[in-house]
């Protein structure tokens, strides 16, 4: 297995975990101190909706990183995958910055590093593929 595949698998595991986290937030699990600034243990309805949308973004990211690395499907060179990997890398980079500046300790010390690792993985896969 190539080094790029390893980076893609790390990214896929990370986004799968984050999708699961966002789904749990969306259905009302009391994990909100690690999301959206940490102000609510259980997210209000509006933020639950945002978590549901975030989960969809993470599911799309799962497909994009595996497709771009050649581990899933045949769409490696398709425009949505080529552009999507970079869009997601930027989103995760901005997320790392936002989480690093959050008032929530969970976001600063857990979510920011996760977002930083995802950013690195997506950039490596984008450049190598």
N, C-alpha and C. Protein backbone atom coordinates (compact mmCIF):
# COMPACT_ATOMS: atom_id res chain seq x y z
N UNK A 1 0.85 -1.18 0.00
CA UNK A 1 0.00 0.00 0.00
C UNK A 1 0.90 1.24 0.00
N UNK A 2 0.49 2.23 -0.78
CA UNK A 2 1.31 3.43 -0.91
C UNK A 2 1.17 4.34 0.30
N UNK A 3 2.12 5.23 0.41
CA UNK A 3 2.09 6.23 1.49
C UNK A 3 0.84 7.11 1.38
N UNK A 4 0.47 7.46 0.14
CA UNK A 4 -0.73 8.26 -0.07
C UNK A 4 -1.96 7.54 0.45
N UNK A 5 -2.03 6.24 0.23
CA UNK A 5 -3.15 5.45 0.72
C UNK A 5 -3.21 5.49 2.23
N UNK A 6 -2.06 5.45 2.87
CA UNK A 6 -2.04 5.52 4.33
C UNK A 6 -2.59 6.86 4.82
N UNK A 7 -2.18 7.96 4.20
CA UNK A 7 -2.69 9.28 4.57
C UNK A 7 -4.20 9.34 4.35
N UNK A 8 -4.65 8.75 3.24
CA UNK A 8 -6.08 8.74 2.93
C UNK A 8 -6.86 7.92 3.96
N UNK A 9 -6.30 6.82 4.39
CA UNK A 9 -6.98 5.99 5.39
C UNK A 9 -7.06 6.70 6.75
N UNK A 10 -6.01 7.39 7.12
CA UNK A 10 -6.05 8.18 8.36
C UNK A 10 -7.13 9.25 8.25
N UNK A 11 -7.16 9.93 7.11
CA UNK A 11 -8.18 10.97 6.89
C UNK A 11 -9.58 10.37 6.93
N UNK A 12 -9.76 9.23 6.28
CA UNK A 12 -11.08 8.58 6.24
C UNK A 12 -11.53 8.18 7.65
N UNK A 13 -10.61 7.66 8.43
CA UNK A 13 -10.96 7.30 9.82
C UNK A 13 -11.33 8.56 10.61
N UNK A 14 -10.57 9.62 10.40
CA UNK A 14 -10.86 10.88 11.11
C UNK A 14 -12.20 11.47 10.75
N UNK A 15 -12.51 11.51 9.46
CA UNK A 15 -13.79 12.10 9.06
C UNK A 15 -14.96 11.18 9.43
N UNK A 16 -14.73 9.87 9.45
CA UNK A 16 -15.79 8.95 9.90
C UNK A 16 -16.09 9.19 11.38
N UNK A 17 -15.03 9.36 12.15
CA UNK A 17 -15.23 9.67 13.58
C UNK A 17 -15.94 10.99 13.79
N UNK A 18 -15.56 12.00 13.01
CA UNK A 18 -16.20 13.31 13.14
C UNK A 18 -17.65 13.28 12.66
N UNK A 19 -17.93 12.50 11.63
CA UNK A 19 -19.32 12.35 11.18
C UNK A 19 -20.17 11.73 12.28
N UNK A 20 -19.62 10.70 12.91
CA UNK A 20 -20.33 10.05 14.02
C UNK A 20 -20.58 11.03 15.16
N UNK A 21 -19.57 11.81 15.50
CA UNK A 21 -19.70 12.83 16.56
C UNK A 21 -20.81 13.82 16.20
N UNK A 22 -20.82 14.30 14.97
CA UNK A 22 -21.83 15.27 14.55
C UNK A 22 -23.23 14.66 14.55
N UNK A 23 -23.35 13.41 14.17
CA UNK A 23 -24.65 12.73 14.22
C UNK A 23 -25.14 12.62 15.66
N UNK A 24 -24.23 12.27 16.57
CA UNK A 24 -24.62 12.19 17.98
C UNK A 24 -25.08 13.55 18.51
N UNK A 25 -24.38 14.60 18.11
CA UNK A 25 -24.82 15.96 18.49
C UNK A 25 -26.20 16.26 17.91
N UNK A 26 -26.41 15.90 16.65
CA UNK A 26 -27.67 16.21 15.97
C UNK A 26 -28.86 15.51 16.61
N UNK A 27 -28.64 14.33 17.17
CA UNK A 27 -29.75 13.61 17.80
C UNK A 27 -29.89 13.90 19.29
N UNK A 28 -29.05 14.78 19.82
CA UNK A 28 -29.25 15.25 21.18
C UNK A 28 -28.35 14.70 22.26
N UNK A 29 -27.29 14.01 21.89
CA UNK A 29 -26.36 13.55 22.92
C UNK A 29 -25.70 14.76 23.57
N UNK A 30 -25.41 14.70 24.86
CA UNK A 30 -24.84 15.86 25.58
C UNK A 30 -23.33 16.01 25.38
N UNK A 31 -22.94 16.23 24.14
CA UNK A 31 -21.52 16.38 23.79
C UNK A 31 -21.21 17.79 23.30
N UNK A 32 -22.13 18.70 23.49
CA UNK A 32 -22.02 20.04 22.92
C UNK A 32 -20.89 20.89 23.47
N UNK A 33 -20.32 20.49 24.59
CA UNK A 33 -19.19 21.28 25.12
C UNK A 33 -17.96 21.18 24.22
N UNK A 34 -17.99 20.22 23.29
CA UNK A 34 -16.87 20.06 22.36
C UNK A 34 -17.22 20.59 20.96
N UNK A 35 -18.28 21.41 20.87
CA UNK A 35 -18.70 21.90 19.56
C UNK A 35 -19.37 23.26 19.68
N UNK A 36 -19.29 24.03 18.61
CA UNK A 36 -19.99 25.31 18.50
C UNK A 36 -19.71 26.23 19.69
N UNK A 37 -18.48 26.29 20.11
CA UNK A 37 -18.09 27.18 21.19
C UNK A 37 -18.28 26.60 22.58
N UNK A 38 -18.90 25.44 22.68
CA UNK A 38 -19.03 24.75 23.95
C UNK A 38 -20.05 25.32 24.92
N UNK A 39 -20.96 26.16 24.45
CA UNK A 39 -21.91 26.83 25.35
C UNK A 39 -23.05 25.91 25.82
N UNK A 40 -23.35 24.86 25.07
CA UNK A 40 -24.49 24.00 25.38
C UNK A 40 -24.05 22.54 25.44
N UNK A 41 -24.43 21.85 26.53
CA UNK A 41 -24.16 20.41 26.59
C UNK A 41 -25.00 19.70 25.53
N UNK A 42 -26.29 19.99 25.52
CA UNK A 42 -27.19 19.48 24.49
C UNK A 42 -27.49 20.66 23.57
N UNK A 43 -27.24 20.48 22.31
CA UNK A 43 -27.39 21.58 21.37
C UNK A 43 -28.85 21.96 21.16
N UNK A 44 -29.13 23.26 21.02
CA UNK A 44 -30.47 23.68 20.63
C UNK A 44 -30.76 23.24 19.19
N UNK A 45 -32.02 23.30 18.81
CA UNK A 45 -32.46 22.78 17.51
C UNK A 45 -31.67 23.34 16.33
N UNK A 46 -31.40 24.63 16.33
CA UNK A 46 -30.68 25.25 15.22
C UNK A 46 -29.27 24.66 15.07
N UNK A 47 -28.58 24.47 16.19
CA UNK A 47 -27.24 23.89 16.14
C UNK A 47 -27.28 22.40 15.84
N UNK A 48 -28.35 21.73 16.22
CA UNK A 48 -28.50 20.32 15.84
C UNK A 48 -28.59 20.21 14.32
N UNK A 49 -29.31 21.14 13.72
CA UNK A 49 -29.38 21.17 12.25
C UNK A 49 -28.02 21.40 11.63
N UNK A 50 -27.26 22.30 12.23
CA UNK A 50 -25.90 22.56 11.74
C UNK A 50 -25.04 21.31 11.89
N UNK A 51 -25.23 20.56 12.96
CA UNK A 51 -24.48 19.31 13.14
C UNK A 51 -24.86 18.29 12.08
N UNK A 52 -26.13 18.22 11.75
CA UNK A 52 -26.57 17.29 10.70
C UNK A 52 -25.92 17.64 9.37
N UNK A 53 -25.86 18.94 9.06
CA UNK A 53 -25.20 19.37 7.82
C UNK A 53 -23.71 19.06 7.88
N UNK A 54 -23.10 19.29 9.03
CA UNK A 54 -21.67 18.97 9.21
C UNK A 54 -21.43 17.48 8.99
N UNK A 55 -22.32 16.65 9.48
CA UNK A 55 -22.17 15.20 9.29
C UNK A 55 -22.17 14.86 7.80
N UNK A 56 -23.03 15.52 7.04
CA UNK A 56 -23.06 15.29 5.59
C UNK A 56 -21.76 15.72 4.92
N UNK A 57 -21.20 16.83 5.38
CA UNK A 57 -19.90 17.28 4.85
C UNK A 57 -18.82 16.24 5.14
N UNK A 58 -18.84 15.69 6.36
CA UNK A 58 -17.84 14.68 6.70
C UNK A 58 -18.03 13.41 5.89
N UNK A 59 -19.26 13.02 5.62
CA UNK A 59 -19.52 11.85 4.77
C UNK A 59 -18.99 12.11 3.36
N UNK A 60 -19.24 13.30 2.84
CA UNK A 60 -18.70 13.66 1.51
C UNK A 60 -17.17 13.64 1.53
N UNK A 61 -16.59 14.14 2.61
CA UNK A 61 -15.13 14.15 2.74
C UNK A 61 -14.57 12.73 2.73
N UNK A 62 -15.28 11.81 3.38
CA UNK A 62 -14.88 10.41 3.39
C UNK A 62 -14.76 9.88 1.97
N UNK A 63 -15.79 10.12 1.17
CA UNK A 63 -15.77 9.67 -0.22
C UNK A 63 -14.65 10.36 -1.01
N UNK A 64 -14.56 11.68 -0.89
CA UNK A 64 -13.60 12.45 -1.69
C UNK A 64 -12.17 12.01 -1.43
N UNK A 65 -11.79 11.86 -0.17
CA UNK A 65 -10.39 11.51 0.11
C UNK A 65 -10.07 10.09 -0.35
N UNK A 66 -11.02 9.18 -0.20
CA UNK A 66 -10.76 7.81 -0.68
C UNK A 66 -10.78 7.75 -2.20
N UNK A 67 -11.67 8.50 -2.83
CA UNK A 67 -11.70 8.53 -4.29
C UNK A 67 -10.43 9.15 -4.86
N UNK A 68 -10.01 10.27 -4.28
CA UNK A 68 -8.81 10.97 -4.80
C UNK A 68 -7.55 10.12 -4.65
N UNK A 69 -7.51 9.29 -3.61
CA UNK A 69 -6.34 8.44 -3.41
C UNK A 69 -6.40 7.17 -4.25
N UNK A 70 -7.53 6.94 -4.92
CA UNK A 70 -7.68 5.75 -5.74
C UNK A 70 -8.16 4.53 -4.97
N UNK A 71 -8.56 4.70 -3.73
CA UNK A 71 -9.00 3.57 -2.92
C UNK A 71 -10.49 3.27 -3.06
N UNK A 72 -11.23 4.18 -3.68
CA UNK A 72 -12.68 3.99 -3.80
C UNK A 72 -13.15 4.56 -5.12
N UNK A 73 -13.84 3.75 -5.88
CA UNK A 73 -14.41 4.23 -7.13
C UNK A 73 -13.36 4.51 -8.19
N UNK A 74 -13.83 5.13 -9.26
CA UNK A 74 -12.95 5.43 -10.39
C UNK A 74 -12.92 6.93 -10.67
N UNK A 75 -13.38 7.73 -9.73
CA UNK A 75 -13.54 9.17 -9.96
C UNK A 75 -12.33 9.99 -9.55
N UNK A 76 -11.17 9.37 -9.43
CA UNK A 76 -9.97 10.04 -8.94
C UNK A 76 -9.67 11.35 -9.65
N UNK A 77 -9.86 11.39 -10.94
CA UNK A 77 -9.54 12.57 -11.73
C UNK A 77 -10.76 13.43 -12.07
N UNK A 78 -11.92 13.10 -11.52
CA UNK A 78 -13.11 13.90 -11.83
C UNK A 78 -12.96 15.28 -11.20
N UNK A 79 -13.55 16.27 -11.85
CA UNK A 79 -13.46 17.65 -11.34
C UNK A 79 -14.00 17.79 -9.92
N UNK A 80 -15.16 17.20 -9.60
CA UNK A 80 -15.65 17.35 -8.23
C UNK A 80 -14.69 16.80 -7.18
N UNK A 81 -14.03 15.71 -7.49
CA UNK A 81 -13.07 15.12 -6.54
C UNK A 81 -11.79 15.95 -6.47
N UNK A 82 -11.26 16.37 -7.63
CA UNK A 82 -10.03 17.18 -7.66
C UNK A 82 -10.23 18.51 -6.93
N UNK A 83 -11.36 19.16 -7.17
CA UNK A 83 -11.64 20.44 -6.52
C UNK A 83 -12.05 20.21 -5.07
N UNK A 84 -12.87 19.19 -4.86
CA UNK A 84 -13.40 18.91 -3.53
C UNK A 84 -12.33 18.66 -2.49
N UNK A 85 -11.26 17.95 -2.87
CA UNK A 85 -10.20 17.66 -1.90
C UNK A 85 -9.57 18.95 -1.40
N UNK A 86 -9.39 19.93 -2.31
CA UNK A 86 -8.81 21.22 -1.90
C UNK A 86 -9.79 22.06 -1.09
N UNK A 87 -11.06 22.05 -1.48
CA UNK A 87 -12.07 22.78 -0.72
C UNK A 87 -12.14 22.24 0.71
N UNK A 88 -12.13 20.93 0.84
CA UNK A 88 -12.17 20.32 2.17
C UNK A 88 -10.90 20.61 2.96
N UNK A 89 -9.75 20.60 2.32
CA UNK A 89 -8.50 20.94 3.02
C UNK A 89 -8.59 22.35 3.60
N UNK A 90 -9.13 23.28 2.81
CA UNK A 90 -9.29 24.67 3.29
C UNK A 90 -10.29 24.72 4.44
N UNK A 91 -11.41 24.02 4.30
CA UNK A 91 -12.42 24.00 5.38
C UNK A 91 -11.81 23.46 6.66
N UNK A 92 -11.07 22.37 6.58
CA UNK A 92 -10.46 21.80 7.78
C UNK A 92 -9.39 22.72 8.35
N UNK A 93 -8.65 23.41 7.49
CA UNK A 93 -7.67 24.37 7.98
C UNK A 93 -8.32 25.52 8.73
N UNK A 94 -9.41 26.05 8.16
CA UNK A 94 -10.14 27.11 8.85
C UNK A 94 -10.76 26.61 10.15
N UNK A 95 -11.21 25.37 10.14
CA UNK A 95 -11.77 24.76 11.34
C UNK A 95 -10.70 24.64 12.43
N UNK A 96 -9.50 24.29 12.04
CA UNK A 96 -8.40 24.20 13.03
C UNK A 96 -8.17 25.56 13.66
N UNK A 97 -8.17 26.61 12.85
CA UNK A 97 -7.99 27.97 13.39
C UNK A 97 -9.13 28.37 14.32
N UNK A 98 -10.36 28.12 13.88
CA UNK A 98 -11.53 28.49 14.69
C UNK A 98 -11.56 27.70 16.00
N UNK A 99 -11.28 26.41 15.93
CA UNK A 99 -11.28 25.60 17.14
C UNK A 99 -10.14 26.02 18.07
N UNK A 100 -9.02 26.39 17.50
CA UNK A 100 -7.90 26.84 18.32
C UNK A 100 -8.20 28.14 19.05
N UNK A 101 -9.09 28.95 18.52
CA UNK A 101 -9.45 30.23 19.13
C UNK A 101 -10.71 30.13 20.00
N UNK A 102 -11.29 28.95 20.11
CA UNK A 102 -12.55 28.77 20.84
C UNK A 102 -12.38 28.96 22.35
N UNK A 103 -13.49 29.29 22.99
CA UNK A 103 -13.53 29.35 24.46
C UNK A 103 -13.61 27.95 25.07
N UNK A 104 -14.02 26.99 24.26
CA UNK A 104 -14.17 25.61 24.73
C UNK A 104 -12.81 24.92 24.78
N UNK A 105 -12.49 24.40 25.95
CA UNK A 105 -11.23 23.65 26.09
C UNK A 105 -11.23 22.42 25.20
N UNK A 106 -12.39 21.76 25.07
CA UNK A 106 -12.50 20.58 24.21
C UNK A 106 -12.16 20.93 22.77
N UNK A 107 -12.66 22.06 22.32
CA UNK A 107 -12.38 22.46 20.94
C UNK A 107 -10.90 22.82 20.76
N UNK A 108 -10.35 23.52 21.73
CA UNK A 108 -8.93 23.92 21.60
C UNK A 108 -7.99 22.74 21.66
N UNK A 109 -8.24 21.80 22.58
CA UNK A 109 -7.26 20.74 22.82
C UNK A 109 -7.58 19.40 22.16
N UNK A 110 -8.79 19.26 21.61
CA UNK A 110 -9.13 18.03 20.90
C UNK A 110 -9.50 18.30 19.45
N UNK A 111 -10.46 19.18 19.25
CA UNK A 111 -10.97 19.41 17.90
C UNK A 111 -9.97 20.14 17.00
N UNK A 112 -9.23 21.10 17.54
CA UNK A 112 -8.24 21.82 16.73
C UNK A 112 -7.15 20.87 16.20
N UNK A 113 -6.58 20.02 17.06
CA UNK A 113 -5.59 19.08 16.53
C UNK A 113 -6.17 18.09 15.52
N UNK A 114 -7.40 17.64 15.75
CA UNK A 114 -8.02 16.74 14.78
C UNK A 114 -8.16 17.44 13.43
N UNK A 115 -8.65 18.67 13.47
CA UNK A 115 -8.80 19.44 12.22
C UNK A 115 -7.45 19.66 11.54
N UNK A 116 -6.41 19.89 12.32
CA UNK A 116 -5.08 20.09 11.76
C UNK A 116 -4.57 18.81 11.08
N UNK A 117 -4.79 17.68 11.72
CA UNK A 117 -4.39 16.40 11.12
C UNK A 117 -5.17 16.15 9.83
N UNK A 118 -6.48 16.43 9.86
CA UNK A 118 -7.29 16.26 8.65
C UNK A 118 -6.80 17.18 7.53
N UNK A 119 -6.45 18.40 7.88
CA UNK A 119 -5.92 19.33 6.88
C UNK A 119 -4.66 18.75 6.23
N UNK A 120 -3.74 18.30 7.06
CA UNK A 120 -2.49 17.73 6.54
C UNK A 120 -2.76 16.52 5.65
N UNK A 121 -3.64 15.64 6.10
CA UNK A 121 -3.95 14.45 5.30
C UNK A 121 -4.55 14.81 3.95
N UNK A 122 -5.49 15.76 3.95
CA UNK A 122 -6.14 16.13 2.69
C UNK A 122 -5.15 16.81 1.75
N UNK A 123 -4.26 17.63 2.27
CA UNK A 123 -3.26 18.29 1.43
C UNK A 123 -2.30 17.26 0.84
N UNK A 124 -1.84 16.33 1.66
CA UNK A 124 -0.92 15.30 1.16
C UNK A 124 -1.59 14.48 0.06
N UNK A 125 -2.83 14.06 0.28
CA UNK A 125 -3.52 13.27 -0.74
C UNK A 125 -3.75 14.10 -2.00
N UNK A 126 -4.11 15.36 -1.84
CA UNK A 126 -4.35 16.21 -2.99
C UNK A 126 -3.08 16.40 -3.82
N UNK A 127 -1.97 16.60 -3.16
CA UNK A 127 -0.71 16.82 -3.86
C UNK A 127 -0.14 15.54 -4.49
N UNK A 128 -0.37 14.42 -3.84
CA UNK A 128 0.23 13.17 -4.30
C UNK A 128 -0.56 12.50 -5.40
N UNK A 129 -1.81 12.83 -5.51
CA UNK A 129 -2.66 12.10 -6.46
C UNK A 129 -2.69 12.76 -7.82
